[in-house]
Amino acid sequence: MLRITVDLHPAGVSVLRRTVGTMTIANVTNLSDVSDYHVNASEGPNPLTGLPAKTCVCKVYRHQRRQSVWALIGAAIAALERANWSDS
């Protein structure tokens, strides 16, 4: 399983760091060369836009595992952009 955490460091100051989003990507097809993945993501509330916290669950289908990890993360992000998010 991959776990991606997106942290904001305002003005590069780490003591002000806050997590703005997380995503997990889990292989659900026994590590086949062409695999499917379960994706679970969440975002915290955004005080700048007034948007509430939200979550999303979706899948990536038929991903070629021999690609870069960044290709999988990109496919997961594309799936999240097409999915329906729910307010937390």
PDB file of N, CA and C in Angstrom:
ATOM      1  N   MET A   1       0.844  -1.173   0.000  1.00  0.00           N
ATOM      2  CA  MET A   1       0.000   0.000   0.000  1.00  0.00           C
ATOM      3  C   MET A   1       0.887   1.233   0.000  1.00  0.00           C
ATOM      4  N   LEU A   2       0.465   2.213  -0.777  1.00  0.00           N
ATOM      5  CA  LEU A   2       1.114   3.520  -0.760  1.00  0.00           C
ATOM      6  C   LEU A   2       0.276   4.461   0.086  1.00  0.00           C
ATOM      7  N   ARG A   3       0.952   5.314   0.827  1.00  0.00           N
ATOM      8  CA  ARG A   3       0.269   6.360   1.573  1.00  0.00           C
ATOM      9  C   ARG A   3       0.940   7.675   1.210  1.00  0.00           C
ATOM     10  N   ILE A   4       0.150   8.594   0.673  1.00  0.00           N
ATOM     11  CA  ILE A   4       0.651   9.893   0.267  1.00  0.00           C
ATOM     12  C   ILE A   4       0.051  10.936   1.202  1.00  0.00           C
ATOM     13  N   THR A   5       0.909  11.781   1.754  1.00  0.00           N
ATOM     14  CA  THR A   5       0.467  12.855   2.637  1.00  0.00           C
ATOM     15  C   THR A   5       0.907  14.177   2.020  1.00  0.00           C
ATOM     16  N   VAL A   6      -0.031  15.120   1.926  1.00  0.00           N
ATOM     17  CA  VAL A   6       0.277  16.442   1.382  1.00  0.00           C
ATOM     18  C   VAL A   6       0.275  17.427   2.547  1.00  0.00           C
ATOM     19  N   ASP A   7       1.454  17.968   2.833  1.00  0.00           N
ATOM     20  CA  ASP A   7       1.607  18.922   3.925  1.00  0.00           C
ATOM     21  C   ASP A   7       1.888  20.313   3.370  1.00  0.00           C
ATOM     22  N   LEU A   8       1.281  21.299   3.986  1.00  0.00           N
ATOM     23  CA  LEU A   8       1.518  22.702   3.656  1.00  0.00           C
ATOM     24  C   LEU A   8       2.475  23.275   4.698  1.00  0.00           C
ATOM     25  N   HIS A   9       3.533  23.919   4.231  1.00  0.00           N
ATOM     26  CA  HIS A   9       4.508  24.596   5.098  1.00  0.00           C
ATOM     27  C   HIS A   9       4.438  26.084   4.756  1.00  0.00           C
ATOM     28  N   PRO A  10       3.572  26.851   5.413  1.00  0.00           N
ATOM     29  CA  PRO A  10       3.427  28.270   5.075  1.00  0.00           C
ATOM     30  C   PRO A  10       4.770  29.005   5.137  1.00  0.00           C
ATOM     31  N   ALA A  11       5.094  29.658   4.048  1.00  0.00           N
ATOM     32  CA  ALA A  11       6.354  30.411   3.925  1.00  0.00           C
ATOM     33  C   ALA A  11       7.572  29.530   4.198  1.00  0.00           C
ATOM     34  N   GLY A  12       7.424  28.210   4.039  1.00  0.00           N
ATOM     35  CA  GLY A  12       8.529  27.286   4.272  1.00  0.00           C
ATOM     36  C   GLY A  12       8.829  27.019   5.735  1.00  0.00           C
ATOM     37  N   VAL A  13       7.938  27.434   6.626  1.00  0.00           N
ATOM     38  CA  VAL A  13       8.156  27.294   8.066  1.00  0.00           C
ATOM     39  C   VAL A  13       7.534  25.973   8.536  1.00  0.00           C
ATOM     40  N   SER A  14       8.384  25.018   8.867  1.00  0.00           N
ATOM     41  CA  SER A  14       7.903  23.680   9.225  1.00  0.00           C
ATOM     42  C   SER A  14       7.088  23.643  10.511  1.00  0.00           C
ATOM     43  N   VAL A  15       7.342  24.535  11.453  1.00  0.00           N
ATOM     44  CA  VAL A  15       6.554  24.507  12.694  1.00  0.00           C
ATOM     45  C   VAL A  15       5.102  24.905  12.434  1.00  0.00           C
ATOM     46  N   LEU A  16       4.827  25.544  11.290  1.00  0.00           N
ATOM     47  CA  LEU A  16       3.458  25.912  10.931  1.00  0.00           C
ATOM     48  C   LEU A  16       2.809  24.871  10.009  1.00  0.00           C
ATOM     49  N   ARG A  17       3.500  23.746   9.789  1.00  0.00           N
ATOM     50  CA  ARG A  17       3.033  22.707   8.875  1.00  0.00           C
ATOM     51  C   ARG A  17       1.670  22.193   9.271  1.00  0.00           C
ATOM     52  N   ARG A  18       0.844  21.935   8.237  1.00  0.00           N
ATOM     53  CA  ARG A  18      -0.420  21.252   8.481  1.00  0.00           C
ATOM     54  C   ARG A  18      -0.697  20.342   7.292  1.00  0.00           C
ATOM     55  N   THR A  19      -1.317  19.214   7.579  1.00  0.00           N
ATOM     56  CA  THR A  19      -1.671  18.272   6.529  1.00  0.00           C
ATOM     57  C   THR A  19      -2.964  18.734   5.872  1.00  0.00           C
ATOM     58  N   VAL A  20      -2.941  18.859   4.544  1.00  0.00           N
ATOM     59  CA  VAL A  20      -4.126  19.308   3.815  1.00  0.00           C
ATOM     60  C   VAL A  20      -4.808  18.159   3.074  1.00  0.00           C
ATOM     61  N   GLY A  21      -4.106  17.038   2.898  1.00  0.00           N
ATOM     62  CA  GLY A  21      -4.724  15.907   2.229  1.00  0.00           C
ATOM     63  C   GLY A  21      -3.928  14.633   2.409  1.00  0.00           C
ATOM     64  N   THR A  22      -4.627  13.503   2.310  1.00  0.00           N
ATOM     65  CA  THR A  22      -3.986  12.191   2.355  1.00  0.00           C
ATOM     66  C   THR A  22      -4.632  11.289   1.314  1.00  0.00           C
ATOM     67  N   MET A  23      -3.863  10.298   0.868  1.00  0.00           N
ATOM     68  CA  MET A  23      -4.386   9.318  -0.073  1.00  0.00           C
ATOM     69  C   MET A  23      -3.693   7.983   0.192  1.00  0.00           C
ATOM     70  N   THR A  24      -4.464   6.900   0.143  1.00  0.00           N
ATOM     71  CA  THR A  24      -3.881   5.559   0.166  1.00  0.00           C
ATOM     72  C   THR A  24      -4.259   4.871  -1.137  1.00  0.00           C
ATOM     73  N   ILE A  25      -3.324   4.072  -1.637  1.00  0.00           N
ATOM     74  CA  ILE A  25      -3.534   3.303  -2.864  1.00  0.00           C
ATOM     75  C   ILE A  25      -3.147   1.859  -2.539  1.00  0.00           C
ATOM     76  N   ALA A  26      -4.118   0.951  -2.656  1.00  0.00           N
ATOM     77  CA  ALA A  26      -3.875  -0.449  -2.296  1.00  0.00           C
ATOM     78  C   ALA A  26      -4.171  -1.367  -3.471  1.00  0.00           C
ATOM     79  N   ASN A  27      -3.238  -2.254  -3.791  1.00  0.00           N
ATOM     80  CA  ASN A  27      -3.425  -3.228  -4.857  1.00  0.00           C
ATOM     81  C   ASN A  27      -4.449  -4.262  -4.397  1.00  0.00           C
ATOM     82  N   VAL A  28      -5.444  -4.536  -5.248  1.00  0.00           N
ATOM     83  CA  VAL A  28      -6.489  -5.498  -4.879  1.00  0.00           C
ATOM     84  C   VAL A  28      -6.498  -6.716  -5.802  1.00  0.00           C
ATOM     85  N   THR A  29      -5.422  -6.913  -6.573  1.00  0.00           N
ATOM     86  CA  THR A  29      -5.374  -8.028  -7.524  1.00  0.00           C
ATOM     87  C   THR A  29      -4.104  -8.858  -7.377  1.00  0.00           C
ATOM     88  N   ASN A  30      -3.672  -9.092  -6.147  1.00  0.00           N
ATOM     89  CA  ASN A  30      -2.550 -10.009  -5.873  1.00  0.00           C
ATOM     90  C   ASN A  30      -1.282  -9.685  -6.649  1.00  0.00           C
ATOM     91  N   LEU A  31      -1.004  -8.411  -6.832  1.00  0.00           N
ATOM     92  CA  LEU A  31       0.233  -7.942  -7.460  1.00  0.00           C
ATOM     93  C   LEU A  31       0.419  -8.460  -8.878  1.00  0.00           C
ATOM     94  N   SER A  32      -0.667  -8.617  -9.630  1.00  0.00           N
ATOM     95  CA  SER A  32      -0.599  -9.026 -11.033  1.00  0.00           C
ATOM     96  C   SER A  32       0.134  -7.961 -11.842  1.00  0.00           C
ATOM     97  N   ASP A  33       0.690  -8.357 -13.002  1.00  0.00           N
ATOM     98  CA  ASP A  33       1.378  -7.392 -13.857  1.00  0.00           C
ATOM     99  C   ASP A  33       0.451  -6.246 -14.272  1.00  0.00           C
ATOM    100  N   VAL A  34      -0.821  -6.563 -14.492  1.00  0.00           N
ATOM    101  CA  VAL A  34      -1.846  -5.554 -14.739  1.00  0.00           C
ATOM    102  C   VAL A  34      -2.786  -5.621 -13.547  1.00  0.00           C
ATOM    103  N   SER A  35      -2.803  -4.577 -12.740  1.00  0.00           N
ATOM    104  CA  SER A  35      -3.488  -4.622 -11.454  1.00  0.00           C
ATOM    105  C   SER A  35      -4.569  -3.567 -11.318  1.00  0.00           C
ATOM    106  N   ASP A  36      -5.494  -3.844 -10.408  1.00  0.00           N
ATOM    107  CA  ASP A  36      -6.511  -2.881  -9.990  1.00  0.00           C
ATOM    108  C   ASP A  36      -6.157  -2.390  -8.588  1.00  0.00           C
ATOM    109  N   TYR A  37      -6.540  -1.147  -8.300  1.00  0.00           N
ATOM    110  CA  TYR A  37      -6.185  -0.520  -7.028  1.00  0.00           C
ATOM    111  C   TYR A  37      -7.393   0.165  -6.401  1.00  0.00           C
ATOM    112  N   HIS A  38      -7.474   0.081  -5.095  1.00  0.00           N
ATOM    113  CA  HIS A  38      -8.471   0.795  -4.309  1.00  0.00           C
ATOM    114  C   HIS A  38      -7.806   2.098  -3.847  1.00  0.00           C
ATOM    115  N   VAL A  39      -8.492   3.223  -4.066  1.00  0.00           N
ATOM    116  CA  VAL A  39      -7.955   4.542  -3.706  1.00  0.00           C
ATOM    117  C   VAL A  39      -8.895   5.185  -2.690  1.00  0.00           C
ATOM    118  N   ASN A  40      -8.329   5.679  -1.611  1.00  0.00           N
ATOM    119  CA  ASN A  40      -9.091   6.369  -0.568  1.00  0.00           C
ATOM    120  C   ASN A  40      -8.381   7.694  -0.310  1.00  0.00           C
ATOM    121  N   ALA A  41      -9.112   8.797  -0.418  1.00  0.00           N
ATOM    122  CA  ALA A  41      -8.490  10.116  -0.248  1.00  0.00           C
ATOM    123  C   ALA A  41      -9.331  10.991   0.662  1.00  0.00           C
ATOM    124  N   SER A  42      -8.661  11.936   1.295  1.00  0.00           N
ATOM    125  CA  SER A  42      -9.367  12.915   2.121  1.00  0.00           C
ATOM    126  C   SER A  42      -8.635  14.254   2.047  1.00  0.00           C
ATOM    127  N   GLU A  43      -9.419  15.307   2.192  1.00  0.00           N
ATOM    128  CA  GLU A  43      -8.887  16.667   2.286  1.00  0.00           C
ATOM    129  C   GLU A  43      -9.461  17.302   3.536  1.00  0.00           C
ATOM    130  N   GLY A  44      -8.657  18.101   4.201  1.00  0.00           N
ATOM    131  CA  GLY A  44      -9.149  18.848   5.349  1.00  0.00           C
ATOM    132  C   GLY A  44      -9.962  20.041   4.887  1.00  0.00           C
ATOM    133  N   PRO A  45     -10.619  20.725   5.810  1.00  0.00           N
ATOM    134  CA  PRO A  45     -11.362  21.934   5.437  1.00  0.00           C
ATOM    135  C   PRO A  45     -10.389  22.996   4.920  1.00  0.00           C
ATOM    136  N   ASN A  46     -10.855  23.803   3.988  1.00  0.00           N
ATOM    137  CA  ASN A  46     -10.013  24.841   3.412  1.00  0.00           C
ATOM    138  C   ASN A  46     -10.510  26.208   3.887  1.00  0.00           C
ATOM    139  N   PRO A  47      -9.800  26.821   4.831  1.00  0.00           N
ATOM    140  CA  PRO A  47     -10.260  28.103   5.366  1.00  0.00           C
ATOM    141  C   PRO A  47     -10.201  29.236   4.339  1.00  0.00           C
ATOM    142  N   LEU A  48      -9.368  29.128   3.320  1.00  0.00           N
ATOM    143  CA  LEU A  48      -9.277  30.183   2.302  1.00  0.00           C
ATOM    144  C   LEU A  48     -10.499  30.206   1.390  1.00  0.00           C
ATOM    145  N   THR A  49     -11.038  29.008   1.067  1.00  0.00           N
ATOM    146  CA  THR A  49     -12.186  28.934   0.158  1.00  0.00           C
ATOM    147  C   THR A  49     -13.496  28.691   0.893  1.00  0.00           C
ATOM    148  N   GLY A  50     -13.404  28.310   2.170  1.00  0.00           N
ATOM    149  CA  GLY A  50     -14.596  27.988   2.934  1.00  0.00           C
ATOM    150  C   GLY A  50     -15.152  26.606   2.652  1.00  0.00           C
ATOM    151  N   LEU A  51     -14.412  25.784   1.886  1.00  0.00           N
ATOM    152  CA  LEU A  51     -14.880  24.437   1.589  1.00  0.00           C
ATOM    153  C   LEU A  51     -14.692  23.519   2.796  1.00  0.00           C
ATOM    154  N   PRO A  52     -15.657  22.617   3.039  1.00  0.00           N
ATOM    155  CA  PRO A  52     -15.542  21.699   4.176  1.00  0.00           C
ATOM    156  C   PRO A  52     -14.572  20.550   3.865  1.00  0.00           C
ATOM    157  N   ALA A  53     -14.245  19.792   4.884  1.00  0.00           N
ATOM    158  CA  ALA A  53     -13.456  18.581   4.701  1.00  0.00           C
ATOM    159  C   ALA A  53     -14.243  17.619   3.822  1.00  0.00           C
ATOM    160  N   LYS A  54     -13.525  16.784   3.051  1.00  0.00           N
ATOM    161  CA  LYS A  54     -14.221  15.847   2.188  1.00  0.00           C
ATOM    162  C   LYS A  54     -13.406  14.568   2.004  1.00  0.00           C
ATOM    163  N   THR A  55     -14.096  13.501   1.605  1.00  0.00           N
ATOM    164  CA  THR A  55     -13.465  12.205   1.386  1.00  0.00           C
ATOM    165  C   THR A  55     -13.937  11.623   0.060  1.00  0.00           C
ATOM    166  N   CYS A  56     -13.161  10.658  -0.442  1.00  0.00           N
ATOM    167  CA  CYS A  56     -13.505  10.008  -1.698  1.00  0.00           C
ATOM    168  C   CYS A  56     -12.912   8.606  -1.724  1.00  0.00           C
ATOM    169  N   VAL A  57     -13.669   7.681  -2.281  1.00  0.00           N
ATOM    170  CA  VAL A  57     -13.206   6.315  -2.512  1.00  0.00           C
ATOM    171  C   VAL A  57     -13.463   6.008  -3.979  1.00  0.00           C
ATOM    172  N   CYS A  58     -12.447   5.471  -4.660  1.00  0.00           N
ATOM    173  CA  CYS A  58     -12.601   5.099  -6.063  1.00  0.00           C
ATOM    174  C   CYS A  58     -11.606   3.988  -6.397  1.00  0.00           C
ATOM    175  N   LYS A  59     -11.545   3.597  -7.666  1.00  0.00           N
ATOM    176  CA  LYS A  59     -10.630   2.532  -8.090  1.00  0.00           C
ATOM    177  C   LYS A  59      -9.870   2.941  -9.338  1.00  0.00           C
ATOM    178  N   VAL A  60      -8.680   2.386  -9.463  1.00  0.00           N
ATOM    179  CA  VAL A  60      -7.887   2.460 -10.687  1.00  0.00           C
ATOM    180  C   VAL A  60      -7.905   1.048 -11.261  1.00  0.00           C
ATOM    181  N   TYR A  61      -8.307   0.914 -12.510  1.00  0.00           N
ATOM    182  CA  TYR A  61      -8.414  -0.394 -13.144  1.00  0.00           C
ATOM    183  C   TYR A  61      -7.319  -0.594 -14.186  1.00  0.00           C
ATOM    184  N   ARG A  62      -6.799  -1.822 -14.242  1.00  0.00           N
ATOM    185  CA  ARG A  62      -5.888  -2.292 -15.283  1.00  0.00           C
ATOM    186  C   ARG A  62      -4.642  -1.410 -15.440  1.00  0.00           C
ATOM    187  N   HIS A  63      -4.004  -1.146 -14.325  1.00  0.00           N
ATOM    188  CA  HIS A  63      -2.764  -0.357 -14.332  1.00  0.00           C
ATOM    189  C   HIS A  63      -1.571  -1.290 -14.538  1.00  0.00           C
ATOM    190  N   GLN A  64      -0.689  -0.937 -15.447  1.00  0.00           N
ATOM    191  CA  GLN A  64       0.527  -1.710 -15.693  1.00  0.00           C
ATOM    192  C   GLN A  64       1.512  -1.470 -14.544  1.00  0.00           C
ATOM    193  N   ARG A  65       1.766  -2.497 -13.745  1.00  0.00           N
ATOM    194  CA  ARG A  65       2.596  -2.343 -12.539  1.00  0.00           C
ATOM    195  C   ARG A  65       4.055  -2.030 -12.829  1.00  0.00           C
ATOM    196  N   ARG A  66       4.543  -2.296 -14.015  1.00  0.00           N
ATOM    197  CA  ARG A  66       5.956  -2.066 -14.314  1.00  0.00           C
ATOM    198  C   ARG A  66       6.273  -0.603 -14.605  1.00  0.00           C
ATOM    199  N   GLN A  67       5.290   0.258 -14.465  1.00  0.00           N
ATOM    200  CA  GLN A  67       5.505   1.691 -14.651  1.00  0.00           C
ATOM    201  C   GLN A  67       6.048   2.325 -13.369  1.00  0.00           C
ATOM    202  N   SER A  68       6.432   3.557 -13.481  1.00  0.00           N
ATOM    203  CA  SER A  68       6.896   4.340 -12.335  1.00  0.00           C
ATOM    204  C   SER A  68       5.790   4.481 -11.290  1.00  0.00           C
ATOM    205  N   VAL A  69       6.185   4.618 -10.041  1.00  0.00           N
ATOM    206  CA  VAL A  69       5.218   4.877  -8.975  1.00  0.00           C
ATOM    207  C   VAL A  69       4.432   6.150  -9.256  1.00  0.00           C
ATOM    208  N   TRP A  70       5.064   7.104  -9.941  1.00  0.00           N
ATOM    209  CA  TRP A  70       4.394   8.365 -10.257  1.00  0.00           C
ATOM    210  C   TRP A  70       3.266   8.152 -11.260  1.00  0.00           C
ATOM    211  N   ALA A  71       3.393   7.169 -12.131  1.00  0.00           N
ATOM    212  CA  ALA A  71       2.308   6.856 -13.063  1.00  0.00           C
ATOM    213  C   ALA A  71       1.092   6.348 -12.291  1.00  0.00           C
ATOM    214  N   LEU A  72       1.319   5.534 -11.265  1.00  0.00           N
ATOM    215  CA  LEU A  72       0.211   5.040 -10.444  1.00  0.00           C
ATOM    216  C   LEU A  72      -0.435   6.183  -9.663  1.00  0.00           C
ATOM    217  N   ILE A  73       0.377   7.045  -9.081  1.00  0.00           N
ATOM    218  CA  ILE A  73      -0.167   8.190  -8.344  1.00  0.00           C
ATOM    219  C   ILE A  73      -0.956   9.091  -9.298  1.00  0.00           C
ATOM    220  N   GLY A  74      -0.444   9.309 -10.496  1.00  0.00           N
ATOM    221  CA  GLY A  74      -1.163  10.108 -11.486  1.00  0.00           C
ATOM    222  C   GLY A  74      -2.493   9.472 -11.875  1.00  0.00           C
ATOM    223  N   ALA A  75      -2.509   8.147 -12.043  1.00  0.00           N
ATOM    224  CA  ALA A  75      -3.756   7.448 -12.371  1.00  0.00           C
ATOM    225  C   ALA A  75      -4.745   7.561 -11.219  1.00  0.00           C
ATOM    226  N   ALA A  76      -4.248   7.487  -9.989  1.00  0.00           N
ATOM    227  CA  ALA A  76      -5.126   7.624  -8.822  1.00  0.00           C
ATOM    228  C   ALA A  76      -5.706   9.034  -8.753  1.00  0.00           C
ATOM    229  N   ILE A  77      -4.904  10.037  -9.011  1.00  0.00           N
ATOM    230  CA  ILE A  77      -5.393  11.421  -9.008  1.00  0.00           C
ATOM    231  C   ILE A  77      -6.429  11.609 -10.108  1.00  0.00           C
ATOM    232  N   ALA A  78      -6.189  11.058 -11.292  1.00  0.00           N
ATOM    233  CA  ALA A  78      -7.164  11.166 -12.385  1.00  0.00           C
ATOM    234  C   ALA A  78      -8.486  10.508 -11.996  1.00  0.00           C
ATOM    235  N   ALA A  79      -8.416   9.350 -11.334  1.00  0.00           N
ATOM    236  CA  ALA A  79      -9.640   8.673 -10.882  1.00  0.00           C
ATOM    237  C   ALA A  79     -10.369   9.521  -9.843  1.00  0.00           C
ATOM    238  N   LEU A  80      -9.627  10.149  -8.938  1.00  0.00           N
ATOM    239  CA  LEU A  80     -10.245  11.013  -7.930  1.00  0.00           C
ATOM    240  C   LEU A  80     -10.916  12.226  -8.563  1.00  0.00           C
ATOM    241  N   GLU A  81     -10.322  12.758  -9.610  1.00  0.00           N
ATOM    242  CA  GLU A  81     -10.910  13.925 -10.272  1.00  0.00           C
ATOM    243  C   GLU A  81     -12.225  13.589 -10.972  1.00  0.00           C
ATOM    244  N   ARG A  82     -12.408  12.325 -11.361  1.00  0.00           N
ATOM    245  CA  ARG A  82     -13.665  11.896 -12.004  1.00  0.00           C
ATOM    246  C   ARG A  82     -14.705  11.415 -10.999  1.00  0.00           C
ATOM    247  N   ALA A  83     -14.291  11.164  -9.762  1.00  0.00           N
ATOM    248  CA  ALA A  83     -15.161  10.556  -8.750  1.00  0.00           C
ATOM    249  C   ALA A  83     -16.001  11.607  -8.019  1.00  0.00           C
ATOM    250  N   ASN A  84     -16.981  11.105  -7.277  1.00  0.00           N
ATOM    251  CA  ASN A  84     -17.822  11.960  -6.436  1.00  0.00           C
ATOM    252  C   ASN A  84     -17.254  12.005  -5.031  1.00  0.00           C
ATOM    253  N   TRP A  85     -16.979  13.189  -4.552  1.00  0.00           N
ATOM    254  CA  TRP A  85     -16.462  13.387  -3.205  1.00  0.00           C
ATOM    255  C   TRP A  85     -17.642  13.606  -2.252  1.00  0.00           C
ATOM    256  N   SER A  86     -17.444  13.215  -1.007  1.00  0.00           N
ATOM    257  CA  SER A  86     -18.472  13.415   0.038  1.00  0.00           C
ATOM    258  C   SER A  86     -17.926  14.331   1.113  1.00  0.00           C
ATOM    259  N   ASP A  87     -18.764  15.199   1.638  1.00  0.00           N
ATOM    260  CA  ASP A  87     -18.358  15.999   2.787  1.00  0.00           C
ATOM    261  C   ASP A  87     -18.146  15.078   3.975  1.00  0.00           C
ATOM    262  N   SER A  88     -17.080  15.350   4.728  1.00  0.00           N
ATOM    263  CA  SER A  88     -16.776  14.502   5.903  1.00  0.00           C
ATOM    264  C   SER A  88     -17.671  14.825   7.057  1.00  0.00           C
TER     265      SER A  88
END
